């Protein structure tokens, strides 16, 4: 998906969520296949080493961490069936600090995100990763 198309799709879906016209399920349906593919690609590059390819917290680095990565497929289940979209997004972008991540920037991101996505992390790939995590929720 080209960047203008990705940005348009993400803004449309994010706006629908913010104004409450779409449930989490409807928002996921509105996220285009390209957005989910972009989110999966960024997830595999930046998150899977700790959270695992399936999102279950079993990545190759998980055993080396003092705090086990969470099972990302259970976020909605642990939140009474609702995926907390903006909380997850805020965690990815560093606004919500998790002790397991060390500080406001997830450790793996630094040079890897710069190499893949430019000097500073962009909202587009963070939204795409959030949509991807939403799409892997187990019922």
C-alpha atoms as a PDB file:
ATOM      1  CA  UNK A   1       0.000   0.000   0.000  1.00  0.00           C
ATOM      2  CA  UNK A   2       1.386   3.413  -0.883  1.00  0.00           C
ATOM      3  CA  UNK A   3       1.936   5.930   1.893  1.00  0.00           C
ATOM      4  CA  UNK A   4      -0.948   8.285   0.955  1.00  0.00           C
ATOM      5  CA  UNK A   5      -3.326   5.305   0.805  1.00  0.00           C
ATOM      6  CA  UNK A   6      -2.106   4.003   4.161  1.00  0.00           C
ATOM      7  CA  UNK A   7      -2.441   7.405   5.796  1.00  0.00           C
ATOM      8  CA  UNK A   8      -5.960   7.888   4.378  1.00  0.00           C
ATOM      9  CA  UNK A   9      -7.104   4.453   5.582  1.00  0.00           C
ATOM     10  CA  UNK A  10      -5.621   4.937   9.035  1.00  0.00           C
ATOM     11  CA  UNK A  11      -7.070   8.417   9.463  1.00  0.00           C
ATOM     12  CA  UNK A  12     -10.522   7.219   8.386  1.00  0.00           C
ATOM     13  CA  UNK A  13     -10.517   4.307  10.810  1.00  0.00           C
ATOM     14  CA  UNK A  14      -8.992   6.307  13.664  1.00  0.00           C
ATOM     15  CA  UNK A  15     -11.592   9.050  13.166  1.00  0.00           C
ATOM     16  CA  UNK A  16     -14.406   6.486  13.236  1.00  0.00           C
ATOM     17  CA  UNK A  17     -13.096   5.085  16.517  1.00  0.00           C
ATOM     18  CA  UNK A  18     -12.626   8.511  18.091  1.00  0.00           C
ATOM     19  CA  UNK A  19     -16.130   9.741  17.290  1.00  0.00           C
ATOM     20  CA  UNK A  20     -17.608   6.425  18.342  1.00  0.00           C
ATOM     21  CA  UNK A  21     -19.272   5.548  15.055  1.00  0.00           C
ATOM     22  CA  UNK A  22     -17.499   2.231  14.826  1.00  0.00           C
ATOM     23  CA  UNK A  23     -17.060  -0.580  17.276  1.00  0.00           C
ATOM     24  CA  UNK A  24     -13.677  -2.232  17.545  1.00  0.00           C
ATOM     25  CA  UNK A  25     -14.887  -5.016  15.237  1.00  0.00           C
ATOM     26  CA  UNK A  26     -16.213  -2.533  12.678  1.00  0.00           C
ATOM     27  CA  UNK A  27     -12.989  -0.539  12.871  1.00  0.00           C
ATOM     28  CA  UNK A  28     -10.982  -3.680  12.194  1.00  0.00           C
ATOM     29  CA  UNK A  29     -13.182  -4.393   9.166  1.00  0.00           C
ATOM     30  CA  UNK A  30     -12.545  -0.871   7.888  1.00  0.00           C
ATOM     31  CA  UNK A  31      -8.778  -1.292   8.188  1.00  0.00           C
ATOM     32  CA  UNK A  32      -7.722  -2.326   4.744  1.00  0.00           C
ATOM     33  CA  UNK A  33      -5.826  -5.478   4.046  1.00  0.00           C
ATOM     34  CA  UNK A  34      -2.798  -3.334   3.198  1.00  0.00           C
ATOM     35  CA  UNK A  35      -2.856  -1.686   6.627  1.00  0.00           C
ATOM     36  CA  UNK A  36      -2.931  -5.083   8.362  1.00  0.00           C
ATOM     37  CA  UNK A  37      -0.134  -6.356   6.124  1.00  0.00           C
ATOM     38  CA  UNK A  38       1.947  -3.262   6.894  1.00  0.00           C
ATOM     39  CA  UNK A  39       1.198  -3.723  10.608  1.00  0.00           C
ATOM     40  CA  UNK A  40       2.183  -7.383  10.495  1.00  0.00           C
ATOM     41  CA  UNK A  41       5.414  -6.535   8.690  1.00  0.00           C
ATOM     42  CA  UNK A  42       6.352  -3.856  11.244  1.00  0.00           C
ATOM     43  CA  UNK A  43       5.313  -6.177  14.101  1.00  0.00           C
ATOM     44  CA  UNK A  44       7.525  -8.985  12.773  1.00  0.00           C
ATOM     45  CA  UNK A  45      10.460  -6.567  12.419  1.00  0.00           C
ATOM     46  CA  UNK A  46      10.116  -4.764  15.742  1.00  0.00           C
ATOM     47  CA  UNK A  47       7.975  -6.777  18.178  1.00  0.00           C
ATOM     48  CA  UNK A  48       8.193 -10.494  17.407  1.00  0.00           C
ATOM     49  CA  UNK A  49      11.652 -10.937  18.924  1.00  0.00           C
ATOM     50  CA  UNK A  50      10.061 -10.587  22.378  1.00  0.00           C
ATOM     51  CA  UNK A  51       6.310 -11.067  21.840  1.00  0.00           C
ATOM     52  CA  UNK A  52       6.701 -13.952  19.379  1.00  0.00           C
ATOM     53  CA  UNK A  53       5.505 -14.377  15.810  1.00  0.00           C
ATOM     54  CA  UNK A  54       2.066 -15.413  17.083  1.00  0.00           C
ATOM     55  CA  UNK A  55       1.953 -12.643  19.703  1.00  0.00           C
ATOM     56  CA  UNK A  56       1.828 -15.070  22.618  1.00  0.00           C
ATOM     57  CA  UNK A  57       4.908 -13.698  24.400  1.00  0.00           C
ATOM     58  CA  UNK A  58       7.182 -16.520  23.297  1.00  0.00           C
ATOM     59  CA  UNK A  59       9.685 -14.737  21.076  1.00  0.00           C
ATOM     60  CA  UNK A  60      13.327 -15.830  20.965  1.00  0.00           C
ATOM     61  CA  UNK A  61      14.347 -13.021  23.356  1.00  0.00           C
ATOM     62  CA  UNK A  62      11.551 -13.718  25.882  1.00  0.00           C
ATOM     63  CA  UNK A  63      13.675 -16.086  27.970  1.00  0.00           C
ATOM     64  CA  UNK A  64      16.352 -13.402  28.350  1.00  0.00           C
ATOM     65  CA  UNK A  65      13.967 -10.830  29.822  1.00  0.00           C
ATOM     66  CA  UNK A  66      13.379 -10.336  33.546  1.00  0.00           C
ATOM     67  CA  UNK A  67       9.671  -9.705  32.868  1.00  0.00           C
ATOM     68  CA  UNK A  68       7.960 -12.119  30.490  1.00  0.00           C
ATOM     69  CA  UNK A  69       6.320 -10.375  27.505  1.00  0.00           C
ATOM     70  CA  UNK A  70       2.546 -10.418  27.645  1.00  0.00           C
ATOM     71  CA  UNK A  71       0.396 -12.571  25.393  1.00  0.00           C
ATOM     72  CA  UNK A  72      -0.827  -9.922  22.966  1.00  0.00           C
ATOM     73  CA  UNK A  73      -3.616 -12.209  21.731  1.00  0.00           C
ATOM     74  CA  UNK A  74      -5.364 -11.947  25.117  1.00  0.00           C
ATOM     75  CA  UNK A  75      -5.603  -8.161  25.480  1.00  0.00           C
ATOM     76  CA  UNK A  76      -9.313  -7.944  24.597  1.00  0.00           C
ATOM     77  CA  UNK A  77     -10.183 -10.993  26.706  1.00  0.00           C
ATOM     78  CA  UNK A  78      -8.465  -9.429  29.717  1.00  0.00           C
ATOM     79  CA  UNK A  79     -10.377  -6.197  29.070  1.00  0.00           C
ATOM     80  CA  UNK A  80     -13.900  -7.691  29.241  1.00  0.00           C
ATOM     81  CA  UNK A  81     -13.957  -8.454  25.525  1.00  0.00           C
ATOM     82  CA  UNK A  82     -13.064  -4.943  24.359  1.00  0.00           C
ATOM     83  CA  UNK A  83      -9.785  -4.175  22.645  1.00  0.00           C
ATOM     84  CA  UNK A  84      -8.398  -0.980  24.252  1.00  0.00           C
ATOM     85  CA  UNK A  85      -7.153   0.419  20.949  1.00  0.00           C
ATOM     86  CA  UNK A  86      -5.754   3.733  22.188  1.00  0.00           C
ATOM     87  CA  UNK A  87      -4.154   2.223  25.294  1.00  0.00           C
ATOM     88  CA  UNK A  88      -2.297  -0.260  23.086  1.00  0.00           C
ATOM     89  CA  UNK A  89      -1.313   2.544  20.696  1.00  0.00           C
ATOM     90  CA  UNK A  90      -0.097   4.688  23.618  1.00  0.00           C
ATOM     91  CA  UNK A  91       1.987   1.748  24.846  1.00  0.00           C
ATOM     92  CA  UNK A  92       3.580   1.317  21.428  1.00  0.00           C
ATOM     93  CA  UNK A  93       4.394   5.004  21.046  1.00  0.00           C
ATOM     94  CA  UNK A  94       5.780   5.296  24.591  1.00  0.00           C
ATOM     95  CA  UNK A  95       3.081   7.443  26.231  1.00  0.00           C
ATOM     96  CA  UNK A  96       2.065   4.552  28.466  1.00  0.00           C
ATOM     97  CA  UNK A  97       5.263   3.294  30.041  1.00  0.00           C
ATOM     98  CA  UNK A  98       5.553  -0.386  30.873  1.00  0.00           C
ATOM     99  CA  UNK A  99       8.257  -1.423  33.318  1.00  0.00           C
ATOM    100  CA  UNK A 100       9.075  -4.407  31.106  1.00  0.00           C
ATOM    101  CA  UNK A 101       9.954  -2.037  28.264  1.00  0.00           C
ATOM    102  CA  UNK A 102      12.454  -0.203  30.411  1.00  0.00           C
ATOM    103  CA  UNK A 103      11.537   3.357  29.555  1.00  0.00           C
ATOM    104  CA  UNK A 104       9.363   5.367  27.223  1.00  0.00           C
ATOM    105  CA  UNK A 105      11.039   3.801  24.210  1.00  0.00           C
ATOM    106  CA  UNK A 106      10.884   0.056  23.671  1.00  0.00           C
ATOM    107  CA  UNK A 107      14.473  -1.250  23.659  1.00  0.00           C
ATOM    108  CA  UNK A 108      14.378  -3.030  20.316  1.00  0.00           C
ATOM    109  CA  UNK A 109      13.066  -0.038  18.439  1.00  0.00           C
ATOM    110  CA  UNK A 110      15.989   2.406  18.535  1.00  0.00           C
ATOM    111  CA  UNK A 111      18.197   1.734  15.540  1.00  0.00           C
ATOM    112  CA  UNK A 112      15.884  -0.863  13.983  1.00  0.00           C
ATOM    113  CA  UNK A 113      12.916   1.487  13.705  1.00  0.00           C
ATOM    114  CA  UNK A 114      15.190   4.249  12.375  1.00  0.00           C
ATOM    115  CA  UNK A 115      16.539   1.935   9.697  1.00  0.00           C
ATOM    116  CA  UNK A 116      13.090   0.702   8.716  1.00  0.00           C
ATOM    117  CA  UNK A 117      10.908   3.760   9.225  1.00  0.00           C
ATOM    118  CA  UNK A 118      13.128   6.842   9.259  1.00  0.00           C
ATOM    119  CA  UNK A 119      14.762   8.962  11.948  1.00  0.00           C
ATOM    120  CA  UNK A 120      11.694   9.078  14.203  1.00  0.00           C
ATOM    121  CA  UNK A 121       8.928   6.497  14.604  1.00  0.00           C
ATOM    122  CA  UNK A 122       5.846   7.572  12.661  1.00  0.00           C
ATOM    123  CA  UNK A 123       2.244   7.375  13.744  1.00  0.00           C
ATOM    124  CA  UNK A 124       1.378   5.460  10.559  1.00  0.00           C
ATOM    125  CA  UNK A 125       3.319   2.323  11.377  1.00  0.00           C
ATOM    126  CA  UNK A 126       2.297   2.518  15.042  1.00  0.00           C
ATOM    127  CA  UNK A 127      -1.369   2.643  14.023  1.00  0.00           C
ATOM    128  CA  UNK A 128      -0.804  -0.222  11.585  1.00  0.00           C
ATOM    129  CA  UNK A 129       0.814  -2.337  14.335  1.00  0.00           C
ATOM    130  CA  UNK A 130      -2.070  -1.519  16.693  1.00  0.00           C
ATOM    131  CA  UNK A 131      -4.584  -2.650  14.054  1.00  0.00           C
ATOM    132  CA  UNK A 132      -2.542  -5.811  13.500  1.00  0.00           C
ATOM    133  CA  UNK A 133      -2.516  -6.600  17.249  1.00  0.00           C
ATOM    134  CA  UNK A 134      -6.253  -5.995  17.293  1.00  0.00           C
ATOM    135  CA  UNK A 135      -6.643  -8.479  14.437  1.00  0.00           C
ATOM    136  CA  UNK A 136      -4.872 -11.309  16.323  1.00  0.00           C
ATOM    137  CA  UNK A 137      -7.116 -11.189  19.394  1.00  0.00           C
ATOM    138  CA  UNK A 138      -8.434 -14.587  20.430  1.00  0.00           C
ATOM    139  CA  UNK A 139     -12.095 -14.866  21.259  1.00  0.00           C
END
